[in-house]
Amino acid sequence: MTEAAGKVSFEDRTYDRFELNPIAGALGAEIVGVDVNNLDDETFDDLYAAWLQYQVLAIRDQKLTPEQQKEFGRRFGELQPHVFNKSIEGHPEITEILKTENETLNNGGRWHTDQQYRPEPAKMTMLYAHEMPPHGGDTSFSSTYRGYETLSDGMKETLAGLKGINNGDSKNHPSGLTRMERQKAGVGTIPQIDPGDAVTISEHPIIRTHPETGRKVLYVGSHTERIAGWTKDESAALLDYLKIHNGQLHHTCRIKWEVGTITMWDNRCCLHFALNDYHGYRRRVHKLLIKGDVPF
């Protein structure tokens, strides 16, 4: 990995401390042969570089308590509690995402990037799998690097000065309800809390620059409800197009979960979508967020 003018290049990077298997052409890699509870600094540096390069890493066969998951997360940055989702007891930084045998709704079933509505959105999301269905329950990821790079020059120029308004509690949800309204109606998927004074509507560039790689991304997801200075009606056609464009299949990879899998992804340059194809089975994961910085 080399650095020049604030950019990181992976052209000559090799990984000798673990086995790395790319998942798809756009993004994603599987890591074999590491124990995240026992990483020396050199191996961690390689893992961090691989994460930047591939955007999404799935690490198999791990055994983590909540405290160990937090300890591993802190190596990537400051932990960021979720402002809406209730945490597990004793660990305010960890949210449990559970779908039981009797439930039909799932959490995260739209293309989105976590905490896009915060002034400093999450840098990383880390999920650890505790229970998984025998089949189904995968997560798909889409590279917003590819989303930007495959736009026409004219569209890139049009979007260059625009900013998106991102809302963490919008009625634009498919249910037409806010988070608390969904919970009261019995259609919520995670218990919610009052965010208090936390800012949950934020304005960020539509074309964002990744602070570590220097590459540009199309920073549009399901939380983006309109373009700054435009009405919702004026914004709708363009945002609908950009959201569909960002989620094209050839921009994606798909992670198949197993108990003991850690998957961690870079919210600054990819979207994710939790598939809901495992009715009648349990799926339980623990979610941890790493704080990011102000998008530019």
C-alpha atoms as a PDB file:
ATOM      1  CA  MET A   1       0.000   0.000   0.000  1.00  0.00           C
ATOM      2  CA  THR A   2       1.446   3.371  -0.990  1.00  0.00           C
ATOM      3  CA  GLU A   3       0.325   6.889  -0.193  1.00  0.00           C
ATOM      4  CA  ALA A   4       0.646   9.969  -2.382  1.00  0.00           C
ATOM      5  CA  ALA A   5      -1.170  13.296  -2.255  1.00  0.00           C
ATOM      6  CA  GLY A   6      -3.550  11.946   0.366  1.00  0.00           C
ATOM      7  CA  LYS A   7      -4.490   8.864  -1.664  1.00  0.00           C
ATOM      8  CA  VAL A   8      -3.882   5.178  -0.957  1.00  0.00           C
ATOM      9  CA  SER A   9      -2.934   2.777  -3.754  1.00  0.00           C
ATOM     10  CA  PHE A  10      -3.152  -1.021  -3.542  1.00  0.00           C
ATOM     11  CA  GLU A  11      -1.593  -1.804  -6.902  1.00  0.00           C
ATOM     12  CA  ASP A  12       1.353  -3.784  -5.500  1.00  0.00           C
ATOM     13  CA  ARG A  13      -0.211  -4.916  -2.227  1.00  0.00           C
ATOM     14  CA  THR A  14       0.085  -8.581  -1.244  1.00  0.00           C
ATOM     15  CA  TYR A  15      -1.258 -10.287   1.877  1.00  0.00           C
ATOM     16  CA  ASP A  16       1.019 -12.937   3.382  1.00  0.00           C
ATOM     17  CA  ARG A  17      -0.308 -13.156   6.946  1.00  0.00           C
ATOM     18  CA  PHE A  18      -3.677 -14.675   6.050  1.00  0.00           C
ATOM     19  CA  GLU A  19      -5.552 -16.203   3.136  1.00  0.00           C
ATOM     20  CA  LEU A  20      -7.602 -13.663   1.181  1.00  0.00           C
ATOM     21  CA  ASN A  21     -10.220 -14.787  -1.340  1.00  0.00           C
ATOM     22  CA  PRO A  22     -11.973 -12.079  -3.384  1.00  0.00           C
ATOM     23  CA  ILE A  23     -15.743 -12.604  -3.622  1.00  0.00           C
ATOM     24  CA  ALA A  24     -16.689 -10.517  -6.656  1.00  0.00           C
ATOM     25  CA  GLY A  25     -15.154  -8.137  -9.154  1.00  0.00           C
ATOM     26  CA  ALA A  26     -16.671  -5.021  -7.605  1.00  0.00           C
ATOM     27  CA  LEU A  27     -15.909  -5.555  -3.911  1.00  0.00           C
ATOM     28  CA  GLY A  28     -15.720  -8.062  -1.086  1.00  0.00           C
ATOM     29  CA  ALA A  29     -13.212 -10.618   0.194  1.00  0.00           C
ATOM     30  CA  GLU A  30     -13.219 -13.558   2.581  1.00  0.00           C
ATOM     31  CA  ILE A  31     -10.414 -13.792   5.140  1.00  0.00           C
ATOM     32  CA  VAL A  32      -9.234 -17.171   6.423  1.00  0.00           C
ATOM     33  CA  GLY A  33      -6.559 -17.941   8.994  1.00  0.00           C
ATOM     34  CA  VAL A  34      -6.810 -15.160  11.584  1.00  0.00           C
ATOM     35  CA  ASP A  35      -8.078 -14.953  15.156  1.00  0.00           C
ATOM     36  CA  VAL A  36      -9.259 -11.390  15.703  1.00  0.00           C
ATOM     37  CA  ASN A  37      -8.708 -11.792  19.443  1.00  0.00           C
ATOM     38  CA  ASN A  38      -4.990 -12.337  18.824  1.00  0.00           C
ATOM     39  CA  LEU A  39      -3.790 -10.008  16.079  1.00  0.00           C
ATOM     40  CA  ASP A  40      -0.298  -8.545  16.190  1.00  0.00           C
ATOM     41  CA  ASP A  41       0.101  -5.027  14.844  1.00  0.00           C
ATOM     42  CA  GLU A  42       1.521  -6.119  11.494  1.00  0.00           C
ATOM     43  CA  THR A  43      -1.354  -8.524  10.821  1.00  0.00           C
ATOM     44  CA  PHE A  44      -3.877  -5.899  11.867  1.00  0.00           C
ATOM     45  CA  ASP A  45      -2.277  -3.382   9.499  1.00  0.00           C
ATOM     46  CA  ASP A  46      -2.656  -5.904   6.664  1.00  0.00           C
ATOM     47  CA  LEU A  47      -6.267  -6.545   7.645  1.00  0.00           C
ATOM     48  CA  TYR A  48      -7.003  -2.822   7.671  1.00  0.00           C
ATOM     49  CA  ALA A  49      -5.421  -2.402   4.238  1.00  0.00           C
ATOM     50  CA  ALA A  50      -7.461  -5.327   2.882  1.00  0.00           C
ATOM     51  CA  TRP A  51     -10.603  -3.744   4.297  1.00  0.00           C
ATOM     52  CA  LEU A  52      -9.849  -0.459   2.543  1.00  0.00           C
ATOM     53  CA  GLN A  53      -9.071  -2.263  -0.691  1.00  0.00           C
ATOM     54  CA  TYR A  54     -12.048  -4.651  -0.786  1.00  0.00           C
ATOM     55  CA  GLN A  55     -14.580  -2.518   1.172  1.00  0.00           C
ATOM     56  CA  VAL A  56     -16.219  -5.597   2.738  1.00  0.00           C
ATOM     57  CA  LEU A  57     -14.443  -8.382   4.628  1.00  0.00           C
ATOM     58  CA  ALA A  58     -15.983 -11.609   5.938  1.00  0.00           C
ATOM     59  CA  ILE A  59     -13.842 -13.305   8.588  1.00  0.00           C
ATOM     60  CA  ARG A  60     -14.878 -16.874   9.373  1.00  0.00           C
ATOM     61  CA  ASP A  61     -14.716 -19.082  12.466  1.00  0.00           C
ATOM     62  CA  GLN A  62     -14.439 -16.429  15.186  1.00  0.00           C
ATOM     63  CA  LYS A  63     -15.512 -16.687  18.823  1.00  0.00           C
ATOM     64  CA  LEU A  64     -16.366 -13.335  20.383  1.00  0.00           C
ATOM     65  CA  THR A  65     -18.027 -12.118  23.533  1.00  0.00           C
ATOM     66  CA  PRO A  66     -19.595  -8.642  23.289  1.00  0.00           C
ATOM     67  CA  GLU A  67     -16.587  -7.206  25.126  1.00  0.00           C
ATOM     68  CA  GLN A  68     -14.185  -8.881  22.691  1.00  0.00           C
ATOM     69  CA  GLN A  69     -16.166  -7.553  19.731  1.00  0.00           C
ATOM     70  CA  LYS A  70     -15.874  -4.037  21.159  1.00  0.00           C
ATOM     71  CA  GLU A  71     -12.157  -4.504  21.809  1.00  0.00           C
ATOM     72  CA  PHE A  72     -11.621  -5.544  18.178  1.00  0.00           C
ATOM     73  CA  GLY A  73     -13.760  -2.639  16.977  1.00  0.00           C
ATOM     74  CA  ARG A  74     -11.729  -0.094  18.935  1.00  0.00           C
ATOM     75  CA  ARG A  75      -8.686  -0.967  16.839  1.00  0.00           C
ATOM     76  CA  PHE A  76     -10.503   0.671  13.900  1.00  0.00           C
ATOM     77  CA  GLY A  77     -11.643   3.792  15.751  1.00  0.00           C
ATOM     78  CA  GLU A  78     -14.062   5.213  18.292  1.00  0.00           C
ATOM     79  CA  LEU A  79     -17.194   3.167  18.936  1.00  0.00           C
ATOM     80  CA  GLN A  80     -20.452   4.924  18.010  1.00  0.00           C
ATOM     81  CA  PRO A  81     -23.662   3.878  19.808  1.00  0.00           C
ATOM     82  CA  HIS A  82     -26.772   3.812  17.636  1.00  0.00           C
ATOM     83  CA  VAL A  83     -29.011   6.814  18.328  1.00  0.00           C
ATOM     84  CA  PHE A  84     -32.298   4.981  17.594  1.00  0.00           C
ATOM     85  CA  ASN A  85     -31.791   1.259  18.197  1.00  0.00           C
ATOM     86  CA  LYS A  86     -31.889  -0.066  21.740  1.00  0.00           C
ATOM     87  CA  SER A  87     -28.611  -1.697  22.802  1.00  0.00           C
ATOM     88  CA  ILE A  88     -28.055  -4.985  24.590  1.00  0.00           C
ATOM     89  CA  GLU A  89     -27.803  -4.878  28.371  1.00  0.00           C
ATOM     90  CA  GLY A  90     -24.422  -3.722  29.638  1.00  0.00           C
ATOM     91  CA  HIS A  91     -23.100  -2.849  26.188  1.00  0.00           C
ATOM     92  CA  PRO A  92     -24.486   0.467  24.904  1.00  0.00           C
ATOM     93  CA  GLU A  93     -22.393   0.223  21.737  1.00  0.00           C
ATOM     94  CA  ILE A  94     -23.915  -3.080  20.546  1.00  0.00           C
ATOM     95  CA  THR A  95     -27.321  -3.585  18.975  1.00  0.00           C
ATOM     96  CA  GLU A  96     -28.852  -7.042  18.598  1.00  0.00           C
ATOM     97  CA  ILE A  97     -30.598  -7.632  15.281  1.00  0.00           C
ATOM     98  CA  LEU A  98     -32.953 -10.569  15.711  1.00  0.00           C
ATOM     99  CA  LYS A  99     -35.583 -12.081  13.478  1.00  0.00           C
ATOM    100  CA  THR A 100     -37.435 -14.973  15.112  1.00  0.00           C
ATOM    101  CA  GLU A 101     -39.180 -17.993  13.618  1.00  0.00           C
ATOM    102  CA  ASN A 102     -42.543 -16.226  13.893  1.00  0.00           C
ATOM    103  CA  GLU A 103     -41.600 -12.894  12.321  1.00  0.00           C
ATOM    104  CA  THR A 104     -41.819 -11.977   8.650  1.00  0.00           C
ATOM    105  CA  LEU A 105     -40.248  -8.495   8.630  1.00  0.00           C
ATOM    106  CA  ASN A 106     -36.495  -7.985   8.748  1.00  0.00           C
ATOM    107  CA  ASN A 107     -34.170  -5.073   9.444  1.00  0.00           C
ATOM    108  CA  GLY A 108     -32.114  -3.369   6.741  1.00  0.00           C
ATOM    109  CA  GLY A 109     -34.059  -4.542   3.706  1.00  0.00           C
ATOM    110  CA  ARG A 110     -33.201  -1.527   1.517  1.00  0.00           C
ATOM    111  CA  TRP A 111     -29.970  -0.268  -0.027  1.00  0.00           C
ATOM    112  CA  HIS A 112     -28.481   2.017   2.608  1.00  0.00           C
ATOM    113  CA  THR A 113     -25.299   3.130   4.328  1.00  0.00           C
ATOM    114  CA  ASP A 114     -25.379   3.194   8.110  1.00  0.00           C
ATOM    115  CA  GLN A 115     -25.858   6.460   9.997  1.00  0.00           C
ATOM    116  CA  GLN A 116     -25.857   8.571   6.817  1.00  0.00           C
ATOM    117  CA  TYR A 117     -28.187  10.930   8.674  1.00  0.00           C
ATOM    118  CA  ARG A 118     -25.568  11.759  11.332  1.00  0.00           C
ATOM    119  CA  PRO A 119     -23.172  14.743  11.021  1.00  0.00           C
ATOM    120  CA  GLU A 120     -20.303  12.231  11.226  1.00  0.00           C
ATOM    121  CA  PRO A 121     -21.704   9.010   9.723  1.00  0.00           C
ATOM    122  CA  ALA A 122     -20.337   5.629  10.713  1.00  0.00           C
ATOM    123  CA  LYS A 123     -16.977   4.722   9.212  1.00  0.00           C
ATOM    124  CA  MET A 124     -17.462   0.997   9.684  1.00  0.00           C
ATOM    125  CA  THR A 125     -20.207  -1.439  10.598  1.00  0.00           C
ATOM    126  CA  MET A 126     -19.185  -4.767  12.128  1.00  0.00           C
ATOM    127  CA  LEU A 127     -21.683  -7.626  12.453  1.00  0.00           C
ATOM    128  CA  TYR A 128     -20.993 -10.838  14.345  1.00  0.00           C
ATOM    129  CA  ALA A 129     -23.242 -13.843  13.691  1.00  0.00           C
ATOM    130  CA  HIS A 130     -24.633 -15.713  16.729  1.00  0.00           C
ATOM    131  CA  GLU A 131     -27.515 -17.625  15.092  1.00  0.00           C
ATOM    132  CA  MET A 132     -28.158 -18.243  11.409  1.00  0.00           C
ATOM    133  CA  PRO A 133     -30.847 -20.011   9.379  1.00  0.00           C
ATOM    134  CA  PRO A 134     -29.799 -23.185   7.504  1.00  0.00           C
ATOM    135  CA  HIS A 135     -30.119 -21.237   4.249  1.00  0.00           C
ATOM    136  CA  GLY A 136     -30.899 -17.644   3.276  1.00  0.00           C
ATOM    137  CA  GLY A 137     -30.323 -14.514   5.322  1.00  0.00           C
ATOM    138  CA  ASP A 138     -27.404 -13.304   3.191  1.00  0.00           C
ATOM    139  CA  THR A 139     -26.363  -9.648   2.972  1.00  0.00           C
ATOM    140  CA  SER A 140     -25.670  -7.953  -0.353  1.00  0.00           C
ATOM    141  CA  PHE A 141     -23.234  -5.060  -0.721  1.00  0.00           C
ATOM    142  CA  SER A 142     -22.822  -2.518  -3.498  1.00  0.00           C
ATOM    143  CA  SER A 143     -19.742  -0.432  -4.288  1.00  0.00           C
ATOM    144  CA  THR A 144     -20.503   3.274  -4.442  1.00  0.00           C
ATOM    145  CA  TYR A 145     -17.065   3.737  -6.015  1.00  0.00           C
ATOM    146  CA  ARG A 146     -18.510   1.825  -8.964  1.00  0.00           C
ATOM    147  CA  GLY A 147     -21.706   3.830  -8.622  1.00  0.00           C
ATOM    148  CA  TYR A 148     -19.763   7.037  -9.231  1.00  0.00           C
ATOM    149  CA  GLU A 149     -17.335   5.721 -11.820  1.00  0.00           C
ATOM    150  CA  THR A 150     -20.077   4.367 -14.083  1.00  0.00           C
ATOM    151  CA  LEU A 151     -21.965   7.678 -14.265  1.00  0.00           C
ATOM    152  CA  SER A 152     -21.679   9.691 -17.457  1.00  0.00           C
ATOM    153  CA  ASP A 153     -19.400  12.732 -17.438  1.00  0.00           C
ATOM    154  CA  GLY A 154     -22.475  14.924 -17.793  1.00  0.00           C
ATOM    155  CA  MET A 155     -24.140  13.394 -14.737  1.00  0.00           C
ATOM    156  CA  LYS A 156     -20.938  13.687 -12.699  1.00  0.00           C
ATOM    157  CA  GLU A 157     -20.806  17.377 -13.584  1.00  0.00           C
ATOM    158  CA  THR A 158     -24.481  17.849 -12.679  1.00  0.00           C
ATOM    159  CA  LEU A 159     -24.058  16.199  -9.284  1.00  0.00           C
ATOM    160  CA  ALA A 160     -20.717  17.782  -8.375  1.00  0.00           C
ATOM    161  CA  GLY A 161     -22.136  20.688  -6.346  1.00  0.00           C
ATOM    162  CA  LEU A 162     -25.259  19.013  -4.967  1.00  0.00           C
ATOM    163  CA  LYS A 163     -25.887  17.886  -1.411  1.00  0.00           C
ATOM    164  CA  GLY A 164     -28.367  15.351  -0.114  1.00  0.00           C
ATOM    165  CA  ILE A 165     -30.626  15.715   2.920  1.00  0.00           C
ATOM    166  CA  ASN A 166     -30.441  12.446   4.874  1.00  0.00           C
ATOM    167  CA  ASN A 167     -33.127  11.678   7.446  1.00  0.00           C
ATOM    168  CA  GLY A 168     -32.846   8.951  10.056  1.00  0.00           C
ATOM    169  CA  ASP A 169     -36.536   8.880  10.909  1.00  0.00           C
ATOM    170  CA  SER A 170     -38.355   9.678   7.697  1.00  0.00           C
ATOM    171  CA  LYS A 171     -41.876   8.654   6.762  1.00  0.00           C
ATOM    172  CA  ASN A 172     -40.311   7.742   3.404  1.00  0.00           C
ATOM    173  CA  HIS A 173     -39.894   4.270   4.901  1.00  0.00           C
ATOM    174  CA  PRO A 174     -41.962   1.710   2.909  1.00  0.00           C
ATOM    175  CA  SER A 175     -44.392   1.519   5.845  1.00  0.00           C
ATOM    176  CA  GLY A 176     -45.000   5.287   5.722  1.00  0.00           C
ATOM    177  CA  LEU A 177     -44.344   5.394   9.485  1.00  0.00           C
ATOM    178  CA  THR A 178     -41.638   6.805  11.733  1.00  0.00           C
ATOM    179  CA  ARG A 179     -39.567   4.439  13.875  1.00  0.00           C
ATOM    180  CA  MET A 180     -41.714   4.872  16.995  1.00  0.00           C
ATOM    181  CA  GLU A 181     -44.901   4.625  14.934  1.00  0.00           C
ATOM    182  CA  ARG A 182     -43.666   1.319  13.498  1.00  0.00           C
ATOM    183  CA  GLN A 183     -42.855   0.061  16.982  1.00  0.00           C
ATOM    184  CA  LYS A 184     -46.295   1.038  18.339  1.00  0.00           C
ATOM    185  CA  ALA A 185     -47.965  -0.561  15.309  1.00  0.00           C
ATOM    186  CA  GLY A 186     -46.082  -3.814  15.904  1.00  0.00           C
ATOM    187  CA  VAL A 187     -44.172  -3.635  12.630  1.00  0.00           C
ATOM    188  CA  GLY A 188     -40.802  -2.557  14.049  1.00  0.00           C
ATOM    189  CA  THR A 189     -37.836  -4.917  13.821  1.00  0.00           C
ATOM    190  CA  ILE A 190     -35.615  -3.521  16.612  1.00  0.00           C
ATOM    191  CA  PRO A 191     -36.733  -1.851  19.867  1.00  0.00           C
ATOM    192  CA  GLN A 192     -36.277   1.919  19.546  1.00  0.00           C
ATOM    193  CA  ILE A 193     -35.131   4.624  21.942  1.00  0.00           C
ATOM    194  CA  ASP A 194     -35.551   8.401  22.009  1.00  0.00           C
ATOM    195  CA  PRO A 195     -32.472   9.945  20.304  1.00  0.00           C
ATOM    196  CA  GLY A 196     -32.664  12.960  22.613  1.00  0.00           C
ATOM    197  CA  ASP A 197     -30.572  15.879  21.340  1.00  0.00           C
ATOM    198  CA  ALA A 198     -28.705  13.806  18.753  1.00  0.00           C
ATOM    199  CA  VAL A 199     -28.773  15.256  15.226  1.00  0.00           C
ATOM    200  CA  THR A 200     -30.600  12.816  12.938  1.00  0.00           C
ATOM    201  CA  ILE A 201     -31.062  14.901   9.796  1.00  0.00           C
ATOM    202  CA  SER A 202     -27.823  15.847   8.023  1.00  0.00           C
ATOM    203  CA  GLU A 203     -26.724  17.364   4.738  1.00  0.00           C
ATOM    204  CA  HIS A 204     -23.852  15.658   2.889  1.00  0.00           C
ATOM    205  CA  PRO A 205     -22.357  15.851  -0.610  1.00  0.00           C
ATOM    206  CA  ILE A 206     -24.003  13.624  -3.231  1.00  0.00           C
ATOM    207  CA  ILE A 207     -20.496  13.008  -4.564  1.00  0.00           C
ATOM    208  CA  ARG A 208     -18.344  12.207  -1.557  1.00  0.00           C
ATOM    209  CA  THR A 209     -14.551  11.794  -1.424  1.00  0.00           C
ATOM    210  CA  HIS A 210     -13.242   8.864   0.601  1.00  0.00           C
ATOM    211  CA  PRO A 211     -10.910  10.378   3.225  1.00  0.00           C
ATOM    212  CA  GLU A 212      -8.336   7.555   3.056  1.00  0.00           C
ATOM    213  CA  THR A 213      -8.305   6.414  -0.572  1.00  0.00           C
ATOM    214  CA  GLY A 214      -9.108   9.752  -2.201  1.00  0.00           C
ATOM    215  CA  ARG A 215     -11.613   8.087  -4.531  1.00  0.00           C
ATOM    216  CA  LYS A 216     -15.030   9.583  -5.224  1.00  0.00           C
ATOM    217  CA  VAL A 217     -18.279   7.788  -4.397  1.00  0.00           C
ATOM    218  CA  LEU A 218     -21.977   8.234  -5.194  1.00  0.00           C
ATOM    219  CA  TYR A 219     -23.171   8.884  -1.641  1.00  0.00           C
ATOM    220  CA  VAL A 220     -26.884   8.177  -2.048  1.00  0.00           C
ATOM    221  CA  GLY A 221     -28.927   5.581  -0.166  1.00  0.00           C
ATOM    222  CA  SER A 222     -32.369   5.010   1.298  1.00  0.00           C
ATOM    223  CA  HIS A 223     -31.841   7.705   3.976  1.00  0.00           C
ATOM    224  CA  THR A 224     -31.373  10.356   1.255  1.00  0.00           C
ATOM    225  CA  GLU A 225     -34.823  11.936   1.004  1.00  0.00           C
ATOM    226  CA  ARG A 226     -34.201  15.030  -1.119  1.00  0.00           C
ATOM    227  CA  ILE A 227     -31.561  17.287  -2.627  1.00  0.00           C
ATOM    228  CA  ALA A 228     -30.667  20.398  -0.640  1.00  0.00           C
ATOM    229  CA  GLY A 229     -32.461  23.440  -2.055  1.00  0.00           C
ATOM    230  CA  TRP A 230     -34.905  21.252  -4.020  1.00  0.00           C
ATOM    231  CA  THR A 231     -38.383  20.075  -3.080  1.00  0.00           C
ATOM    232  CA  LYS A 232     -39.076  16.380  -2.558  1.00  0.00           C
ATOM    233  CA  ASP A 233     -41.028  16.294  -5.810  1.00  0.00           C
ATOM    234  CA  GLU A 234     -38.182  17.927  -7.706  1.00  0.00           C
ATOM    235  CA  SER A 235     -35.667  15.536  -6.119  1.00  0.00           C
ATOM    236  CA  ALA A 236     -37.630  12.312  -6.576  1.00  0.00           C
ATOM    237  CA  ALA A 237     -36.843  11.415 -10.185  1.00  0.00           C
ATOM    238  CA  LEU A 238     -33.095  12.059  -9.889  1.00  0.00           C
ATOM    239  CA  LEU A 239     -32.720  10.335  -6.524  1.00  0.00           C
ATOM    240  CA  ASP A 240     -34.764   7.325  -7.667  1.00  0.00           C
ATOM    241  CA  TYR A 241     -32.464   6.982 -10.669  1.00  0.00           C
ATOM    242  CA  LEU A 242     -29.288   7.312  -8.558  1.00  0.00           C
ATOM    243  CA  LYS A 243     -30.469   4.767  -5.984  1.00  0.00           C
ATOM    244  CA  ILE A 244     -31.248   2.215  -8.699  1.00  0.00           C
ATOM    245  CA  HIS A 245     -27.941   2.976 -10.406  1.00  0.00           C
ATOM    246  CA  ASN A 246     -25.979   2.467  -7.170  1.00  0.00           C
ATOM    247  CA  GLY A 247     -27.556  -0.966  -6.570  1.00  0.00           C
ATOM    248  CA  GLN A 248     -26.920  -2.513  -9.988  1.00  0.00           C
ATOM    249  CA  LEU A 249     -25.934  -6.179  -9.762  1.00  0.00           C
ATOM    250  CA  HIS A 250     -22.530  -5.717 -11.359  1.00  0.00           C
ATOM    251  CA  HIS A 251     -21.647  -3.282  -8.538  1.00  0.00           C
ATOM    252  CA  THR A 252     -22.348  -5.937  -5.876  1.00  0.00           C
ATOM    253  CA  CYS A 253     -21.169  -8.921  -3.885  1.00  0.00           C
ATOM    254  CA  ARG A 254     -23.090 -11.190  -1.528  1.00  0.00           C
ATOM    255  CA  ILE A 255     -21.992 -12.521   1.861  1.00  0.00           C
ATOM    256  CA  LYS A 256     -23.260 -15.910   2.996  1.00  0.00           C
ATOM    257  CA  TRP A 257     -23.299 -16.002   6.769  1.00  0.00           C
ATOM    258  CA  GLU A 258     -22.251 -18.772   9.140  1.00  0.00           C
ATOM    259  CA  VAL A 259     -22.278 -18.780  12.939  1.00  0.00           C
ATOM    260  CA  GLY A 260     -18.990 -17.197  14.008  1.00  0.00           C
ATOM    261  CA  THR A 261     -18.638 -14.972  10.941  1.00  0.00           C
ATOM    262  CA  ILE A 262     -17.623 -11.341  11.372  1.00  0.00           C
ATOM    263  CA  THR A 263     -18.483  -9.118   8.428  1.00  0.00           C
ATOM    264  CA  MET A 264     -17.243  -5.544   8.449  1.00  0.00           C
ATOM    265  CA  TRP A 265     -17.777  -2.963   5.765  1.00  0.00           C
ATOM    266  CA  ASP A 266     -16.801   0.585   4.872  1.00  0.00           C
ATOM    267  CA  ASN A 267     -19.915   2.766   4.994  1.00  0.00           C
ATOM    268  CA  ARG A 268     -18.046   5.550   3.239  1.00  0.00           C
ATOM    269  CA  CYS A 269     -17.930   3.631  -0.047  1.00  0.00           C
ATOM    270  CA  CYS A 270     -20.555   0.888  -0.055  1.00  0.00           C
ATOM    271  CA  LEU A 271     -24.236   0.220   0.565  1.00  0.00           C
ATOM    272  CA  HIS A 272     -25.762  -2.919   2.036  1.00  0.00           C
ATOM    273  CA  PHE A 273     -29.087  -4.768   1.793  1.00  0.00           C
ATOM    274  CA  ALA A 274     -30.234  -7.516   4.186  1.00  0.00           C
ATOM    275  CA  LEU A 275     -32.122 -10.259   2.335  1.00  0.00           C
ATOM    276  CA  ASN A 276     -35.363 -11.486   3.863  1.00  0.00           C
ATOM    277  CA  ASP A 277     -35.685 -15.038   2.500  1.00  0.00           C
ATOM    278  CA  TYR A 278     -35.620 -17.267   5.589  1.00  0.00           C
ATOM    279  CA  HIS A 279     -39.111 -17.168   7.124  1.00  0.00           C
ATOM    280  CA  GLY A 280     -39.575 -19.772   9.855  1.00  0.00           C
ATOM    281  CA  TYR A 281     -35.970 -19.591  11.072  1.00  0.00           C
ATOM    282  CA  ARG A 282     -34.015 -17.500  13.570  1.00  0.00           C
ATOM    283  CA  ARG A 283     -31.253 -15.077  12.628  1.00  0.00           C
ATOM    284  CA  ARG A 284     -29.373 -13.175  15.338  1.00  0.00           C
ATOM    285  CA  VAL A 285     -26.361 -10.881  14.932  1.00  0.00           C
ATOM    286  CA  HIS A 286     -24.624  -8.250  17.039  1.00  0.00           C
ATOM    287  CA  LYS A 287     -23.983  -4.901  15.373  1.00  0.00           C
ATOM    288  CA  LEU A 288     -21.180  -2.480  16.225  1.00  0.00           C
ATOM    289  CA  LEU A 289     -20.533   0.926  14.625  1.00  0.00           C
ATOM    290  CA  ILE A 290     -17.220   2.792  14.320  1.00  0.00           C
ATOM    291  CA  LYS A 291     -17.474   6.581  14.193  1.00  0.00           C
ATOM    292  CA  GLY A 292     -16.448   8.352  10.992  1.00  0.00           C
ATOM    293  CA  ASP A 293     -15.801  11.962  10.054  1.00  0.00           C
ATOM    294  CA  VAL A 294     -17.618  14.773   8.269  1.00  0.00           C
ATOM    295  CA  PRO A 295     -18.129  13.859   4.584  1.00  0.00           C
ATOM    296  CA  PHE A 296     -16.551  16.133   1.992  1.00  0.00           C
END
